Amino acid sequence: MRRQKLIITNNAPAVLGFALACLAALLINQFTGGRANRVLFMTYHSSLKDVLTYVRFFTHVLGHSSWTHLIGNMSYILLLGPALEEKYGPAKVFEVIAITALVTGLVNWIFFPDTALCGASGVVFAFILLISFANVRSGEIPVTVILVALIFLGEQVYDGIFIRDNISNLSHVLGGLVGAVAGYNLNIGR
């Protein structure tokens, strides 16, 4: 019996590229003693005259405060991302990442002028809601989609109201909404 040769393949170029960019951002941030996050990988209420303000609307999802923060987000992204890329393609997945970054960055900049935001947890929640639409057929919304939305988004709303921590629950909710809208448009609204 002949052994089949195993090869390593890049099954999710958008997600793997995103994960590597997040890893690079964390390493750069550690090398610069936290300066890189403040300059490039964190969004906050900065002047609209500063060109980096616009860059940070997108790049804040690459920044993470620690290895634990990065590993927590990448675990979900690397788990869900390949299935999303198989279903929708790398371009659509990258578009969801970019839209999530922009929406969470803008909302944080407008409504929370005293709060800095970094991390990919909004993207995680976008992926969670988007994957729940993966097997949806036109004209149907499965109970599982409704339950995922209620459980994940409901928990974030509850935590945002009743728990005081350093987690941006609004980014999670906004990311989930981006994923839900994308899932609806890609599967039902076509």
N, C-alpha and C. Protein backbone atom coordinates (compact mmCIF):
# COMPACT_ATOMS: atom_id res chain seq x y z
N MET A 1 0.84 -1.18 0.00
CA MET A 1 0.00 0.00 0.00
C MET A 1 0.89 1.25 0.00
N ARG A 2 0.62 2.13 -0.90
CA ARG A 2 1.43 3.33 -1.06
C ARG A 2 0.90 4.46 -0.17
N ARG A 3 1.80 5.09 0.55
CA ARG A 3 1.41 6.21 1.42
C ARG A 3 1.19 7.45 0.60
N GLN A 4 0.13 8.15 0.94
CA GLN A 4 -0.16 9.42 0.27
C GLN A 4 0.66 10.52 0.93
N LYS A 5 1.25 11.35 0.11
CA LYS A 5 2.07 12.45 0.61
C LYS A 5 1.15 13.58 1.10
N LEU A 6 1.43 14.07 2.29
CA LEU A 6 0.65 15.18 2.85
C LEU A 6 1.32 16.50 2.53
N ILE A 7 0.52 17.46 2.15
CA ILE A 7 1.05 18.80 1.90
C ILE A 7 0.26 19.80 2.73
N ILE A 8 0.89 20.86 3.11
CA ILE A 8 0.23 21.94 3.84
C ILE A 8 -0.30 22.93 2.83
N THR A 9 -1.57 23.30 2.99
CA THR A 9 -2.21 24.23 2.06
C THR A 9 -2.71 25.46 2.81
N ASN A 10 -2.82 26.55 2.10
CA ASN A 10 -3.39 27.77 2.64
C ASN A 10 -4.87 27.77 2.29
N ASN A 11 -5.68 27.26 3.20
CA ASN A 11 -7.11 27.11 2.95
C ASN A 11 -7.93 28.35 3.24
N ALA A 12 -7.31 29.36 3.79
CA ALA A 12 -8.05 30.58 4.15
C ALA A 12 -7.11 31.78 4.08
N PRO A 13 -6.79 32.25 2.87
CA PRO A 13 -5.79 33.32 2.75
C PRO A 13 -6.16 34.62 3.46
N ALA A 14 -7.40 35.02 3.42
CA ALA A 14 -7.80 36.27 4.08
C ALA A 14 -7.66 36.14 5.59
N VAL A 15 -8.14 35.05 6.15
CA VAL A 15 -8.09 34.84 7.60
C VAL A 15 -6.66 34.63 8.08
N LEU A 16 -5.88 33.84 7.35
CA LEU A 16 -4.49 33.63 7.75
C LEU A 16 -3.68 34.92 7.63
N GLY A 17 -3.94 35.68 6.58
CA GLY A 17 -3.27 36.98 6.44
C GLY A 17 -3.63 37.92 7.58
N PHE A 18 -4.91 37.93 7.94
CA PHE A 18 -5.37 38.76 9.06
C PHE A 18 -4.71 38.32 10.37
N ALA A 19 -4.69 37.01 10.61
CA ALA A 19 -4.08 36.49 11.84
C ALA A 19 -2.59 36.83 11.90
N LEU A 20 -1.90 36.70 10.79
CA LEU A 20 -0.47 37.05 10.77
C LEU A 20 -0.26 38.54 10.98
N ALA A 21 -1.14 39.36 10.42
CA ALA A 21 -1.03 40.82 10.63
C ALA A 21 -1.26 41.16 12.10
N CYS A 22 -2.20 40.47 12.75
CA CYS A 22 -2.44 40.69 14.19
C CYS A 22 -1.23 40.27 15.01
N LEU A 23 -0.63 39.14 14.64
CA LEU A 23 0.58 38.68 15.33
C LEU A 23 1.71 39.69 15.16
N ALA A 24 1.89 40.16 13.93
CA ALA A 24 2.94 41.16 13.67
C ALA A 24 2.70 42.44 14.47
N ALA A 25 1.43 42.88 14.53
CA ALA A 25 1.10 44.09 15.28
C ALA A 25 1.43 43.93 16.76
N LEU A 26 1.12 42.76 17.33
CA LEU A 26 1.44 42.52 18.74
C LEU A 26 2.95 42.52 18.97
N LEU A 27 3.70 41.87 18.09
CA LEU A 27 5.16 41.83 18.23
C LEU A 27 5.75 43.23 18.10
N ILE A 28 5.27 44.00 17.13
CA ILE A 28 5.75 45.38 16.95
C ILE A 28 5.40 46.21 18.18
N ASN A 29 4.19 46.03 18.69
CA ASN A 29 3.78 46.78 19.88
C ASN A 29 4.66 46.43 21.09
N GLN A 30 4.96 45.16 21.26
CA GLN A 30 5.83 44.76 22.37
C GLN A 30 7.24 45.32 22.19
N PHE A 31 7.73 45.27 20.97
CA PHE A 31 9.08 45.79 20.68
C PHE A 31 9.16 47.29 20.93
N THR A 32 8.08 48.02 20.70
CA THR A 32 8.08 49.48 20.89
C THR A 32 7.56 49.90 22.26
N GLY A 33 7.39 48.96 23.16
CA GLY A 33 6.94 49.29 24.52
C GLY A 33 5.54 49.87 24.57
N GLY A 34 4.67 49.45 23.66
CA GLY A 34 3.28 49.91 23.66
C GLY A 34 3.02 51.09 22.74
N ARG A 35 4.06 51.67 22.20
CA ARG A 35 3.90 52.85 21.35
C ARG A 35 3.16 52.53 20.05
N ALA A 36 3.40 51.37 19.47
CA ALA A 36 2.78 51.01 18.19
C ALA A 36 1.25 50.96 18.31
N ASN A 37 0.75 50.42 19.40
CA ASN A 37 -0.71 50.40 19.56
C ASN A 37 -1.26 51.82 19.58
N ARG A 38 -0.62 52.70 20.33
CA ARG A 38 -1.10 54.08 20.43
C ARG A 38 -1.05 54.80 19.08
N VAL A 39 -0.04 54.50 18.29
CA VAL A 39 0.14 55.20 17.01
C VAL A 39 -0.68 54.57 15.89
N LEU A 40 -0.72 53.24 15.82
CA LEU A 40 -1.32 52.57 14.66
C LEU A 40 -2.45 51.60 14.95
N PHE A 41 -2.41 50.90 16.08
CA PHE A 41 -3.30 49.76 16.28
C PHE A 41 -4.34 49.97 17.38
N MET A 42 -4.77 51.20 17.53
CA MET A 42 -5.76 51.54 18.55
C MET A 42 -6.51 52.77 18.04
N THR A 43 -7.83 52.76 18.15
CA THR A 43 -8.57 53.94 17.74
C THR A 43 -9.06 54.68 18.98
N TYR A 44 -9.06 55.98 18.86
CA TYR A 44 -9.49 56.85 19.95
C TYR A 44 -9.85 58.19 19.32
N HIS A 45 -10.36 59.10 20.10
CA HIS A 45 -10.82 60.38 19.56
C HIS A 45 -9.61 61.29 19.30
N SER A 46 -9.09 61.18 18.10
CA SER A 46 -7.98 62.03 17.68
C SER A 46 -8.47 62.97 16.59
N SER A 47 -7.66 63.94 16.26
CA SER A 47 -8.04 64.97 15.30
C SER A 47 -8.28 64.38 13.91
N LEU A 48 -9.30 64.88 13.24
CA LEU A 48 -9.57 64.46 11.86
C LEU A 48 -8.55 65.04 10.89
N LYS A 49 -7.72 65.96 11.37
CA LYS A 49 -6.63 66.50 10.55
C LYS A 49 -5.44 65.54 10.51
N ASP A 50 -5.42 64.61 11.44
CA ASP A 50 -4.35 63.60 11.51
C ASP A 50 -4.72 62.43 10.59
N VAL A 51 -3.94 62.20 9.54
CA VAL A 51 -4.23 61.13 8.59
C VAL A 51 -4.27 59.76 9.27
N LEU A 52 -3.52 59.59 10.36
CA LEU A 52 -3.53 58.30 11.07
C LEU A 52 -4.87 58.01 11.74
N THR A 53 -5.66 59.03 11.99
CA THR A 53 -7.00 58.80 12.53
C THR A 53 -7.79 57.90 11.60
N TYR A 54 -7.70 58.16 10.31
CA TYR A 54 -8.44 57.38 9.30
C TYR A 54 -7.84 55.98 9.16
N VAL A 55 -6.54 55.88 9.26
CA VAL A 55 -5.88 54.58 9.19
C VAL A 55 -6.31 53.73 10.38
N ARG A 56 -6.33 54.34 11.57
CA ARG A 56 -6.68 53.60 12.79
C ARG A 56 -8.13 53.13 12.81
N PHE A 57 -9.02 53.77 12.03
CA PHE A 57 -10.39 53.28 11.94
C PHE A 57 -10.40 51.83 11.45
N PHE A 58 -9.38 51.46 10.70
CA PHE A 58 -9.28 50.10 10.17
C PHE A 58 -8.27 49.24 10.93
N THR A 59 -7.14 49.82 11.32
CA THR A 59 -6.04 49.02 11.87
C THR A 59 -6.20 48.68 13.35
N HIS A 60 -7.16 49.29 14.03
CA HIS A 60 -7.31 48.99 15.46
C HIS A 60 -7.67 47.52 15.69
N VAL A 61 -8.26 46.85 14.69
CA VAL A 61 -8.60 45.43 14.86
C VAL A 61 -7.36 44.54 14.84
N LEU A 62 -6.25 45.07 14.39
CA LEU A 62 -4.99 44.31 14.38
C LEU A 62 -4.31 44.34 15.74
N GLY A 63 -4.51 45.39 16.51
CA GLY A 63 -3.82 45.56 17.79
C GLY A 63 -4.45 44.74 18.89
N HIS A 64 -3.62 44.22 19.76
CA HIS A 64 -4.07 43.47 20.93
C HIS A 64 -3.20 43.87 22.11
N SER A 65 -3.79 43.85 23.28
CA SER A 65 -3.09 44.32 24.47
C SER A 65 -2.13 43.29 25.06
N SER A 66 -2.33 42.00 24.72
CA SER A 66 -1.49 40.95 25.30
C SER A 66 -1.61 39.68 24.46
N TRP A 67 -0.75 38.71 24.80
CA TRP A 67 -0.83 37.41 24.13
C TRP A 67 -2.18 36.75 24.41
N THR A 68 -2.67 36.87 25.63
CA THR A 68 -3.96 36.27 25.99
C THR A 68 -5.08 36.86 25.15
N HIS A 69 -5.05 38.18 24.99
CA HIS A 69 -6.05 38.89 24.18
C HIS A 69 -5.99 38.39 22.73
N LEU A 70 -4.78 38.31 22.18
CA LEU A 70 -4.60 37.85 20.80
C LEU A 70 -5.05 36.40 20.63
N ILE A 71 -4.61 35.51 21.50
CA ILE A 71 -4.94 34.09 21.38
C ILE A 71 -6.44 33.86 21.50
N GLY A 72 -7.09 34.58 22.41
CA GLY A 72 -8.54 34.45 22.56
C GLY A 72 -9.27 34.80 21.27
N ASN A 73 -8.89 35.90 20.65
CA ASN A 73 -9.55 36.30 19.40
C ASN A 73 -9.17 35.40 18.23
N MET A 74 -7.89 35.06 18.12
CA MET A 74 -7.46 34.25 16.98
C MET A 74 -8.02 32.83 17.04
N SER A 75 -8.27 32.32 18.23
CA SER A 75 -8.86 30.98 18.34
C SER A 75 -10.18 30.92 17.59
N TYR A 76 -11.03 31.90 17.81
CA TYR A 76 -12.33 31.94 17.11
C TYR A 76 -12.16 32.25 15.62
N ILE A 77 -11.31 33.21 15.32
CA ILE A 77 -11.14 33.62 13.92
C ILE A 77 -10.58 32.47 13.08
N LEU A 78 -9.60 31.75 13.61
CA LEU A 78 -9.02 30.63 12.86
C LEU A 78 -9.96 29.42 12.83
N LEU A 79 -10.85 29.32 13.78
CA LEU A 79 -11.84 28.24 13.78
C LEU A 79 -12.97 28.51 12.78
N LEU A 80 -13.49 29.72 12.78
CA LEU A 80 -14.64 30.06 11.94
C LEU A 80 -14.26 30.52 10.54
N GLY A 81 -13.12 31.18 10.42
CA GLY A 81 -12.72 31.80 9.16
C GLY A 81 -12.63 30.88 7.96
N PRO A 82 -11.97 29.72 8.07
CA PRO A 82 -11.87 28.85 6.89
C PRO A 82 -13.23 28.43 6.33
N ALA A 83 -14.18 28.12 7.19
CA ALA A 83 -15.52 27.76 6.71
C ALA A 83 -16.18 28.95 6.02
N LEU A 84 -15.97 30.14 6.56
CA LEU A 84 -16.54 31.34 5.93
C LEU A 84 -15.89 31.59 4.57
N GLU A 85 -14.58 31.42 4.48
CA GLU A 85 -13.90 31.63 3.20
C GLU A 85 -14.33 30.58 2.17
N GLU A 86 -14.56 29.36 2.63
CA GLU A 86 -15.03 28.32 1.70
C GLU A 86 -16.42 28.66 1.15
N LYS A 87 -17.27 29.19 2.02
CA LYS A 87 -18.65 29.51 1.61
C LYS A 87 -18.72 30.81 0.79
N TYR A 88 -18.03 31.86 1.25
CA TYR A 88 -18.20 33.19 0.66
C TYR A 88 -17.01 33.68 -0.16
N GLY A 89 -15.85 33.07 0.04
CA GLY A 89 -14.65 33.50 -0.65
C GLY A 89 -13.85 34.50 0.18
N PRO A 90 -12.54 34.58 -0.07
CA PRO A 90 -11.67 35.45 0.72
C PRO A 90 -12.04 36.94 0.61
N ALA A 91 -12.47 37.38 -0.56
CA ALA A 91 -12.79 38.81 -0.74
C ALA A 91 -13.95 39.22 0.16
N LYS A 92 -15.00 38.41 0.23
CA LYS A 92 -16.16 38.74 1.09
C LYS A 92 -15.77 38.70 2.56
N VAL A 93 -14.95 37.74 2.95
CA VAL A 93 -14.52 37.65 4.34
C VAL A 93 -13.68 38.88 4.70
N PHE A 94 -12.76 39.26 3.81
CA PHE A 94 -11.96 40.45 4.06
C PHE A 94 -12.86 41.69 4.13
N GLU A 95 -13.89 41.74 3.29
CA GLU A 95 -14.83 42.86 3.32
C GLU A 95 -15.56 42.94 4.66
N VAL A 96 -15.96 41.80 5.21
CA VAL A 96 -16.61 41.78 6.53
C VAL A 96 -15.65 42.28 7.60
N ILE A 97 -14.39 41.87 7.53
CA ILE A 97 -13.38 42.34 8.49
C ILE A 97 -13.24 43.86 8.39
N ALA A 98 -13.11 44.38 7.17
CA ALA A 98 -12.92 45.82 6.96
C ALA A 98 -14.14 46.62 7.41
N ILE A 99 -15.33 46.15 7.08
CA ILE A 99 -16.55 46.87 7.48
C ILE A 99 -16.70 46.86 8.99
N THR A 100 -16.42 45.72 9.61
CA THR A 100 -16.49 45.63 11.07
C THR A 100 -15.50 46.60 11.70
N ALA A 101 -14.29 46.65 11.18
CA ALA A 101 -13.27 47.58 11.71
C ALA A 101 -13.76 49.01 11.59
N LEU A 102 -14.26 49.38 10.43
CA LEU A 102 -14.71 50.76 10.20
C LEU A 102 -15.88 51.12 11.11
N VAL A 103 -16.87 50.25 11.18
CA VAL A 103 -18.06 50.54 12.00
C VAL A 103 -17.67 50.67 13.47
N THR A 104 -16.91 49.72 14.00
CA THR A 104 -16.55 49.79 15.42
C THR A 104 -15.62 50.98 15.69
N GLY A 105 -14.70 51.24 14.75
CA GLY A 105 -13.80 52.39 14.92
C GLY A 105 -14.53 53.72 14.91
N LEU A 106 -15.44 53.90 13.96
CA LEU A 106 -16.21 55.15 13.88
C LEU A 106 -17.11 55.35 15.09
N VAL A 107 -17.82 54.30 15.49
CA VAL A 107 -18.72 54.43 16.64
C VAL A 107 -17.92 54.77 17.89
N ASN A 108 -16.79 54.11 18.08
CA ASN A 108 -15.95 54.43 19.24
C ASN A 108 -15.46 55.87 19.18
N TRP A 109 -15.01 56.32 18.00
CA TRP A 109 -14.49 57.67 17.84
C TRP A 109 -15.57 58.71 18.12
N ILE A 110 -16.78 58.47 17.63
CA ILE A 110 -17.87 59.45 17.77
C ILE A 110 -18.45 59.48 19.18
N PHE A 111 -18.76 58.31 19.72
CA PHE A 111 -19.54 58.25 20.96
C PHE A 111 -18.73 58.05 22.23
N PHE A 112 -17.47 57.64 22.11
CA PHE A 112 -16.66 57.37 23.30
C PHE A 112 -15.31 58.08 23.18
N PRO A 113 -15.33 59.41 23.27
CA PRO A 113 -14.09 60.19 23.06
C PRO A 113 -13.00 59.92 24.09
N ASP A 114 -13.34 59.37 25.22
CA ASP A 114 -12.34 59.11 26.27
C ASP A 114 -11.89 57.65 26.31
N THR A 115 -12.30 56.86 25.31
CA THR A 115 -12.01 55.43 25.33
C THR A 115 -11.20 55.02 24.11
N ALA A 116 -10.10 54.32 24.35
CA ALA A 116 -9.31 53.75 23.26
C ALA A 116 -9.79 52.32 23.02
N LEU A 117 -9.73 51.91 21.77
CA LEU A 117 -10.25 50.59 21.39
C LEU A 117 -9.23 49.86 20.53
N CYS A 118 -8.92 48.61 20.89
CA CYS A 118 -8.08 47.77 20.04
C CYS A 118 -8.50 46.32 20.21
N GLY A 119 -8.24 45.54 19.17
CA GLY A 119 -8.55 44.11 19.22
C GLY A 119 -9.56 43.70 18.17
N ALA A 120 -9.59 42.40 17.92
CA ALA A 120 -10.41 41.83 16.86
C ALA A 120 -11.69 41.19 17.36
N SER A 121 -12.13 41.51 18.57
CA SER A 121 -13.32 40.85 19.09
C SER A 121 -14.59 41.22 18.32
N GLY A 122 -14.64 42.42 17.75
CA GLY A 122 -15.78 42.76 16.89
C GLY A 122 -15.81 41.86 15.67
N VAL A 123 -14.64 41.54 15.12
CA VAL A 123 -14.54 40.63 13.98
C VAL A 123 -14.97 39.23 14.40
N VAL A 124 -14.59 38.81 15.60
CA VAL A 124 -15.01 37.50 16.11
C VAL A 124 -16.54 37.41 16.11
N PHE A 125 -17.19 38.43 16.64
CA PHE A 125 -18.65 38.39 16.72
C PHE A 125 -19.29 38.51 15.33
N ALA A 126 -18.66 39.22 14.42
CA ALA A 126 -19.15 39.26 13.04
C ALA A 126 -19.09 37.86 12.45
N PHE A 127 -17.99 37.15 12.68
CA PHE A 127 -17.83 35.78 12.16
C PHE A 127 -18.85 34.83 12.79
N ILE A 128 -19.09 34.97 14.09
CA ILE A 128 -20.04 34.09 14.77
C ILE A 128 -21.43 34.24 14.16
N LEU A 129 -21.86 35.47 13.95
CA LEU A 129 -23.20 35.67 13.36
C LEU A 129 -23.21 35.29 11.89
N LEU A 130 -22.14 35.58 11.17
CA LEU A 130 -22.08 35.24 9.75
C LEU A 130 -22.10 33.73 9.55
N ILE A 131 -21.38 32.98 10.37
CA ILE A 131 -21.36 31.51 10.21
C ILE A 131 -22.72 30.91 10.51
N SER A 132 -23.49 31.56 11.37
CA SER A 132 -24.81 31.01 11.69
C SER A 132 -25.76 31.08 10.49
N PHE A 133 -25.43 31.91 9.50
CA PHE A 133 -26.23 32.02 8.29
C PHE A 133 -25.75 31.06 7.19
N ALA A 134 -24.71 30.30 7.43
CA ALA A 134 -24.06 29.52 6.37
C ALA A 134 -24.99 28.55 5.66
N ASN A 135 -25.93 27.95 6.35
CA ASN A 135 -26.83 26.97 5.72
C ASN A 135 -28.24 27.49 5.53
N VAL A 136 -28.39 28.79 5.53
CA VAL A 136 -29.71 29.39 5.36
C VAL A 136 -30.11 29.35 3.89
N ARG A 137 -31.37 29.02 3.66
CA ARG A 137 -31.91 29.05 2.30
C ARG A 137 -32.80 30.27 2.15
N SER A 138 -32.94 30.72 0.95
CA SER A 138 -33.75 31.91 0.65
C SER A 138 -35.17 31.75 1.20
N GLY A 139 -35.64 32.77 1.87
CA GLY A 139 -36.99 32.77 2.41
C GLY A 139 -37.12 32.12 3.76
N GLU A 140 -36.01 31.66 4.35
CA GLU A 140 -36.05 30.99 5.65
C GLU A 140 -35.05 31.61 6.61
N ILE A 141 -35.42 31.68 7.87
CA ILE A 141 -34.48 32.02 8.93
C ILE A 141 -34.58 30.91 9.96
N PRO A 142 -33.56 30.08 10.05
CA PRO A 142 -33.60 28.96 11.00
C PRO A 142 -33.60 29.44 12.46
N VAL A 143 -34.20 28.64 13.30
CA VAL A 143 -34.25 28.94 14.73
C VAL A 143 -32.84 29.09 15.29
N THR A 144 -31.87 28.32 14.77
CA THR A 144 -30.50 28.41 15.28
C THR A 144 -29.90 29.79 15.07
N VAL A 145 -30.22 30.45 13.96
CA VAL A 145 -29.73 31.81 13.72
C VAL A 145 -30.28 32.75 14.78
N ILE A 146 -31.55 32.63 15.06
CA ILE A 146 -32.19 33.48 16.08
C ILE A 146 -31.58 33.22 17.45
N LEU A 147 -31.37 31.94 17.78
CA LEU A 147 -30.79 31.60 19.08
C LEU A 147 -29.36 32.12 19.21
N VAL A 148 -28.55 31.96 18.16
CA VAL A 148 -27.18 32.47 18.20
C VAL A 148 -27.19 33.98 18.43
N ALA A 149 -28.04 34.68 17.70
CA ALA A 149 -28.13 36.14 17.87
C ALA A 149 -28.55 36.50 19.29
N LEU A 150 -29.57 35.84 19.80
CA LEU A 150 -30.05 36.14 21.15
C LEU A 150 -28.99 35.82 22.21
N ILE A 151 -28.35 34.69 22.08
CA ILE A 151 -27.37 34.28 23.10
C ILE A 151 -26.14 35.17 23.07
N PHE A 152 -25.51 35.30 21.90
CA PHE A 152 -24.27 36.06 21.84
C PHE A 152 -24.49 37.56 22.01
N LEU A 153 -25.44 38.11 21.30
CA LEU A 153 -25.67 39.56 21.41
C LEU A 153 -26.35 39.91 22.73
N GLY A 154 -27.26 39.05 23.18
CA GLY A 154 -27.92 39.29 24.46
C GLY A 154 -26.94 39.33 25.61
N GLU A 155 -25.99 38.40 25.60
CA GLU A 155 -24.96 38.38 26.65
C GLU A 155 -24.15 39.67 26.64
N GLN A 156 -23.81 40.17 25.46
CA GLN A 156 -23.00 41.38 25.36
C GLN A 156 -23.77 42.61 25.83
N VAL A 157 -25.05 42.68 25.52
CA VAL A 157 -25.88 43.79 25.99
C VAL A 157 -25.97 43.73 27.52
N TYR A 158 -26.22 42.54 28.06
CA TYR A 158 -26.29 42.37 29.51
C TYR A 158 -24.97 42.77 30.17
N ASP A 159 -23.86 42.23 29.66
CA ASP A 159 -22.55 42.54 30.22
C ASP A 159 -22.24 44.04 30.13
N GLY A 160 -22.63 44.65 29.02
CA GLY A 160 -22.38 46.08 28.83
C GLY A 160 -23.13 46.94 29.83
N ILE A 161 -24.29 46.48 30.24
CA ILE A 161 -25.11 47.25 31.19
C ILE A 161 -24.71 46.96 32.63
N PHE A 162 -24.45 45.71 32.96
CA PHE A 162 -24.30 45.33 34.35
C PHE A 162 -22.88 45.01 34.81
N ILE A 163 -21.96 44.81 33.90
CA ILE A 163 -20.60 44.44 34.30
C ILE A 163 -19.62 45.52 33.85
N ARG A 164 -18.82 45.99 34.78
CA ARG A 164 -17.82 47.01 34.48
C ARG A 164 -16.46 46.35 34.36
N ASP A 165 -15.98 46.26 33.14
CA ASP A 165 -14.66 45.70 32.90
C ASP A 165 -14.02 46.47 31.75
N ASN A 166 -12.94 45.99 31.26
CA ASN A 166 -12.20 46.68 30.21
C ASN A 166 -12.52 46.09 28.83
N ILE A 167 -13.74 45.58 28.67
CA ILE A 167 -14.16 44.93 27.42
C ILE A 167 -15.19 45.81 26.73
N SER A 168 -15.01 46.01 25.44
CA SER A 168 -15.94 46.83 24.67
C SER A 168 -17.08 45.97 24.16
N ASN A 169 -18.10 45.82 25.00
CA ASN A 169 -19.26 45.02 24.60
C ASN A 169 -19.97 45.61 23.40
N LEU A 170 -19.94 46.93 23.26
CA LEU A 170 -20.57 47.56 22.11
C LEU A 170 -19.88 47.12 20.82
N SER A 171 -18.57 46.96 20.83
CA SER A 171 -17.86 46.48 19.64
C SER A 171 -18.31 45.07 19.29
N HIS A 172 -18.55 44.25 20.31
CA HIS A 172 -19.04 42.89 20.07
C HIS A 172 -20.41 42.94 19.41
N VAL A 173 -21.28 43.77 19.96
CA VAL A 173 -22.64 43.90 19.41
C VAL A 173 -22.58 44.43 17.98
N LEU A 174 -21.79 45.48 17.77
CA LEU A 174 -21.68 46.05 16.42
C LEU A 174 -21.11 45.03 15.43
N GLY A 175 -20.08 44.29 15.84
CA GLY A 175 -19.52 43.25 14.99
C GLY A 175 -20.56 42.19 14.67
N GLY A 176 -21.31 41.79 15.69
CA GLY A 176 -22.38 40.81 15.47
C GLY A 176 -23.42 41.31 14.49
N LEU A 177 -23.76 42.60 14.59
CA LEU A 177 -24.73 43.17 13.66
C LEU A 177 -24.18 43.20 12.23
N VAL A 178 -22.89 43.54 12.09
CA VAL A 178 -22.27 43.51 10.76
C VAL A 178 -22.34 42.09 10.19
N GLY A 179 -21.99 41.10 11.00
CA GLY A 179 -22.05 39.71 10.55
C GLY A 179 -23.46 39.27 10.21
N ALA A 180 -24.45 39.70 11.00
CA ALA A 180 -25.84 39.33 10.73
C ALA A 180 -26.34 39.97 9.44
N VAL A 181 -26.02 41.24 9.24
CA VAL A 181 -26.44 41.92 8.01
C VAL A 181 -25.76 41.28 6.81
N ALA A 182 -24.46 41.00 6.93
CA ALA A 182 -23.74 40.34 5.83
C ALA A 182 -24.32 38.97 5.55
N GLY A 183 -24.58 38.20 6.60
CA GLY A 183 -25.16 36.87 6.43
C GLY A 183 -26.52 36.93 5.77
N TYR A 184 -27.33 37.87 6.19
CA TYR A 184 -28.65 38.04 5.58
C TYR A 184 -28.51 38.40 4.10
N ASN A 185 -27.68 39.40 3.82
CA ASN A 185 -27.53 39.86 2.43
C ASN A 185 -26.92 38.79 1.53
N LEU A 186 -25.98 38.02 2.04
CA LEU A 186 -25.31 37.01 1.22
C LEU A 186 -26.15 35.75 1.01
N ASN A 187 -27.11 35.50 1.91
CA ASN A 187 -27.85 34.26 1.85
C ASN A 187 -29.35 34.41 1.59
N ILE A 188 -29.95 35.43 2.14
CA ILE A 188 -31.40 35.58 2.04
C ILE A 188 -31.78 36.72 1.11
N GLY A 189 -31.06 37.82 1.22
CA GLY A 189 -31.41 39.03 0.50
C GLY A 189 -31.03 39.05 -0.97
N ARG A 190 -30.43 37.98 -1.46
CA ARG A 190 -30.00 38.01 -2.86
C ARG A 190 -31.10 37.73 -3.82
